[in-house]
Amino acid sequence: MDRLPSRGQDRVRAEAGEELALKTTICDEIRGSGRAVIIDTVSGNPDWRTHPTPMLSGFESYISFPIRLPDGTFFGTLCAIDPQPRSIGTPAIAALFERFAAEMGALLA
């Protein structure tokens, strides 16, 4: 199970410590594919607007990058969500998240 953060629950439809079935999360899809997910506007994206996670949580923008340990083992994801649409699909933002995720993986070794 993934735990939702205890802060910011006023910004998404979730209670502090609420659990989600891992198989319904975007994080699990990232774990399986190894690829980042960047969504500027969930409701305008046919690939994501019916996904269980944004439907349950009510977010409109989402960015998440896999965190891997130096040996390549998947650790988790670095993600950010917002109930408002955001222009987060820029090369600069993607590069920043990719770098932070890599640095986190290196520090966790």
C-alpha atoms as a PDB file:
ATOM      1  CA  MET A   1       0.000   0.000   0.000  1.00  0.00           C
ATOM      2  CA  ASP A   2       1.113   3.576  -0.687  1.00  0.00           C
ATOM      3  CA  ARG A   3       0.505   6.161   1.996  1.00  0.00           C
ATOM      4  CA  LEU A   4      -0.716   9.567   0.983  1.00  0.00           C
ATOM      5  CA  PRO A   5       1.183  12.442   2.562  1.00  0.00           C
ATOM      6  CA  SER A   6      -0.146  13.801   5.810  1.00  0.00           C
ATOM      7  CA  ARG A   7       0.290  17.386   4.612  1.00  0.00           C
ATOM      8  CA  GLY A   8      -1.772  19.020   1.914  1.00  0.00           C
ATOM      9  CA  GLN A   9      -4.869  16.873   2.304  1.00  0.00           C
ATOM     10  CA  ASP A  10      -6.887  20.039   1.828  1.00  0.00           C
ATOM     11  CA  ARG A  11      -5.503  20.164  -1.704  1.00  0.00           C
ATOM     12  CA  VAL A  12      -6.549  16.650  -2.726  1.00  0.00           C
ATOM     13  CA  ARG A  13      -9.409  14.394  -1.714  1.00  0.00           C
ATOM     14  CA  ALA A  14      -7.605  12.243   0.824  1.00  0.00           C
ATOM     15  CA  GLU A  15      -7.265  11.868   4.544  1.00  0.00           C
ATOM     16  CA  ALA A  16      -3.900  11.907   6.285  1.00  0.00           C
ATOM     17  CA  GLY A  17      -2.408   8.410   6.218  1.00  0.00           C
ATOM     18  CA  GLU A  18      -5.061   7.098   3.845  1.00  0.00           C
ATOM     19  CA  GLU A  19      -3.913   4.024   1.963  1.00  0.00           C
ATOM     20  CA  LEU A  20      -4.321   3.211  -1.705  1.00  0.00           C
ATOM     21  CA  ALA A  21      -4.028  -0.220  -3.266  1.00  0.00           C
ATOM     22  CA  LEU A  22      -0.581  -0.144  -4.895  1.00  0.00           C
ATOM     23  CA  LYS A  23      -1.869  -1.639  -8.151  1.00  0.00           C
ATOM     24  CA  THR A  24      -4.204   1.340  -8.647  1.00  0.00           C
ATOM     25  CA  THR A  25      -1.453   3.968  -8.386  1.00  0.00           C
ATOM     26  CA  ILE A  26       0.542   5.787 -11.021  1.00  0.00           C
ATOM     27  CA  CYS A  27       3.621   5.007  -8.899  1.00  0.00           C
ATOM     28  CA  ASP A  28       3.102   1.316  -9.595  1.00  0.00           C
ATOM     29  CA  GLU A  29       2.907   2.030 -13.322  1.00  0.00           C
ATOM     30  CA  ILE A  30       6.194   3.936 -13.089  1.00  0.00           C
ATOM     31  CA  ARG A  31       7.741   1.033 -11.201  1.00  0.00           C
ATOM     32  CA  GLY A  32       6.656  -1.306 -14.004  1.00  0.00           C
ATOM     33  CA  SER A  33       7.655   0.900 -16.936  1.00  0.00           C
ATOM     34  CA  GLY A  34      10.654   2.701 -15.468  1.00  0.00           C
ATOM     35  CA  ARG A  35       9.466   5.885 -17.184  1.00  0.00           C
ATOM     36  CA  ALA A  36       8.482   9.230 -15.704  1.00  0.00           C
ATOM     37  CA  VAL A  37       4.917  10.497 -15.905  1.00  0.00           C
ATOM     38  CA  ILE A  38       4.150  14.173 -16.509  1.00  0.00           C
ATOM     39  CA  ILE A  39       0.549  15.377 -16.800  1.00  0.00           C
ATOM     40  CA  ASP A  40      -0.241  19.083 -17.169  1.00  0.00           C
ATOM     41  CA  THR A  41      -4.040  18.647 -17.105  1.00  0.00           C
ATOM     42  CA  VAL A  42      -5.536  15.300 -16.102  1.00  0.00           C
ATOM     43  CA  SER A  43      -9.078  16.171 -17.209  1.00  0.00           C
ATOM     44  CA  GLY A  44      -7.854  17.068 -20.688  1.00  0.00           C
ATOM     45  CA  ASN A  45      -5.704  13.973 -21.105  1.00  0.00           C
ATOM     46  CA  PRO A  46      -7.541  10.919 -22.496  1.00  0.00           C
ATOM     47  CA  ASP A  47      -4.791   8.594 -21.250  1.00  0.00           C
ATOM     48  CA  TRP A  48      -5.151   9.701 -17.616  1.00  0.00           C
ATOM     49  CA  ARG A  49      -8.557  11.284 -16.958  1.00  0.00           C
ATOM     50  CA  THR A  50     -10.172   7.942 -16.035  1.00  0.00           C
ATOM     51  CA  HIS A  51      -7.203   6.577 -14.072  1.00  0.00           C
ATOM     52  CA  PRO A  52      -8.220   5.636 -10.495  1.00  0.00           C
ATOM     53  CA  THR A  53      -5.587   7.748  -8.744  1.00  0.00           C
ATOM     54  CA  PRO A  54      -6.518  11.196 -10.088  1.00  0.00           C
ATOM     55  CA  MET A  55     -10.210  10.285  -9.982  1.00  0.00           C
ATOM     56  CA  LEU A  56      -9.962   9.419  -6.272  1.00  0.00           C
ATOM     57  CA  SER A  57      -7.547  12.179  -5.307  1.00  0.00           C
ATOM     58  CA  GLY A  58      -8.875  14.996  -7.455  1.00  0.00           C
ATOM     59  CA  PHE A  59      -5.582  16.323  -8.761  1.00  0.00           C
ATOM     60  CA  GLU A  60      -5.201  17.988 -12.160  1.00  0.00           C
ATOM     61  CA  SER A  61      -1.432  18.095 -12.592  1.00  0.00           C
ATOM     62  CA  TYR A  62       1.083  15.404 -11.727  1.00  0.00           C
ATOM     63  CA  ILE A  63       4.770  14.802 -12.236  1.00  0.00           C
ATOM     64  CA  SER A  64       6.687  11.766 -11.039  1.00  0.00           C
ATOM     65  CA  PHE A  65      10.110  10.311 -11.730  1.00  0.00           C
ATOM     66  CA  PRO A  66      11.465   6.930 -10.639  1.00  0.00           C
ATOM     67  CA  ILE A  67      14.100   6.865  -7.915  1.00  0.00           C
ATOM     68  CA  ARG A  68      16.636   4.112  -8.504  1.00  0.00           C
ATOM     69  CA  LEU A  69      19.484   3.024  -6.284  1.00  0.00           C
ATOM     70  CA  PRO A  70      22.964   2.908  -7.849  1.00  0.00           C
ATOM     71  CA  ASP A  71      22.542  -0.824  -8.585  1.00  0.00           C
ATOM     72  CA  GLY A  72      19.369  -0.044 -10.572  1.00  0.00           C
ATOM     73  CA  THR A  73      16.921  -1.259  -7.922  1.00  0.00           C
ATOM     74  CA  PHE A  74      13.653   0.673  -7.920  1.00  0.00           C
ATOM     75  CA  PHE A  75      13.238   2.557  -4.618  1.00  0.00           C
ATOM     76  CA  GLY A  76      10.135   4.668  -5.227  1.00  0.00           C
ATOM     77  CA  THR A  77       9.129   7.875  -6.954  1.00  0.00           C
ATOM     78  CA  LEU A  78       9.652  11.584  -6.563  1.00  0.00           C
ATOM     79  CA  CYS A  79       6.332  13.210  -7.331  1.00  0.00           C
ATOM     80  CA  ALA A  80       4.326  16.402  -7.044  1.00  0.00           C
ATOM     81  CA  ILE A  81       0.595  16.908  -7.461  1.00  0.00           C
ATOM     82  CA  ASP A  82      -1.664  19.931  -7.665  1.00  0.00           C
ATOM     83  CA  PRO A  83      -5.455  20.246  -7.859  1.00  0.00           C
ATOM     84  CA  GLN A  84      -4.960  22.928 -10.526  1.00  0.00           C
ATOM     85  CA  PRO A  85      -3.648  22.394 -14.067  1.00  0.00           C
ATOM     86  CA  ARG A  86       0.012  23.429 -14.314  1.00  0.00           C
ATOM     87  CA  SER A  87       2.428  23.717 -17.224  1.00  0.00           C
ATOM     88  CA  ILE A  88       4.898  21.231 -15.778  1.00  0.00           C
ATOM     89  CA  GLY A  89       5.770  19.376 -18.960  1.00  0.00           C
ATOM     90  CA  THR A  90       8.708  21.623 -19.802  1.00  0.00           C
ATOM     91  CA  PRO A  91      12.226  20.365 -20.473  1.00  0.00           C
ATOM     92  CA  ALA A  92      13.576  22.439 -17.566  1.00  0.00           C
ATOM     93  CA  ILE A  93      11.138  20.972 -15.023  1.00  0.00           C
ATOM     94  CA  ALA A  94      11.660  17.433 -16.320  1.00  0.00           C
ATOM     95  CA  ALA A  95      15.454  17.843 -16.089  1.00  0.00           C
ATOM     96  CA  LEU A  96      15.148  19.154 -12.530  1.00  0.00           C
ATOM     97  CA  PHE A  97      12.998  16.217 -11.380  1.00  0.00           C
ATOM     98  CA  GLU A  98      15.250  13.739 -13.160  1.00  0.00           C
ATOM     99  CA  ARG A  99      18.318  15.206 -11.447  1.00  0.00           C
ATOM    100  CA  PHE A 100      16.664  15.271  -8.012  1.00  0.00           C
ATOM    101  CA  ALA A 101      15.475  11.661  -8.389  1.00  0.00           C
ATOM    102  CA  ALA A 102      18.992  10.557  -9.385  1.00  0.00           C
ATOM    103  CA  GLU A 103      20.530  12.425  -6.456  1.00  0.00           C
ATOM    104  CA  MET A 104      18.030  10.882  -4.055  1.00  0.00           C
ATOM    105  CA  GLY A 105      18.838   7.408  -5.346  1.00  0.00           C
ATOM    106  CA  ALA A 106      22.560   8.032  -4.882  1.00  0.00           C
ATOM    107  CA  LEU A 107      22.046   9.306  -1.326  1.00  0.00           C
ATOM    108  CA  LEU A 108      19.920   6.294  -0.386  1.00  0.00           C
ATOM    109  CA  ALA A 109      22.650   3.824  -1.333  1.00  0.00           C
END
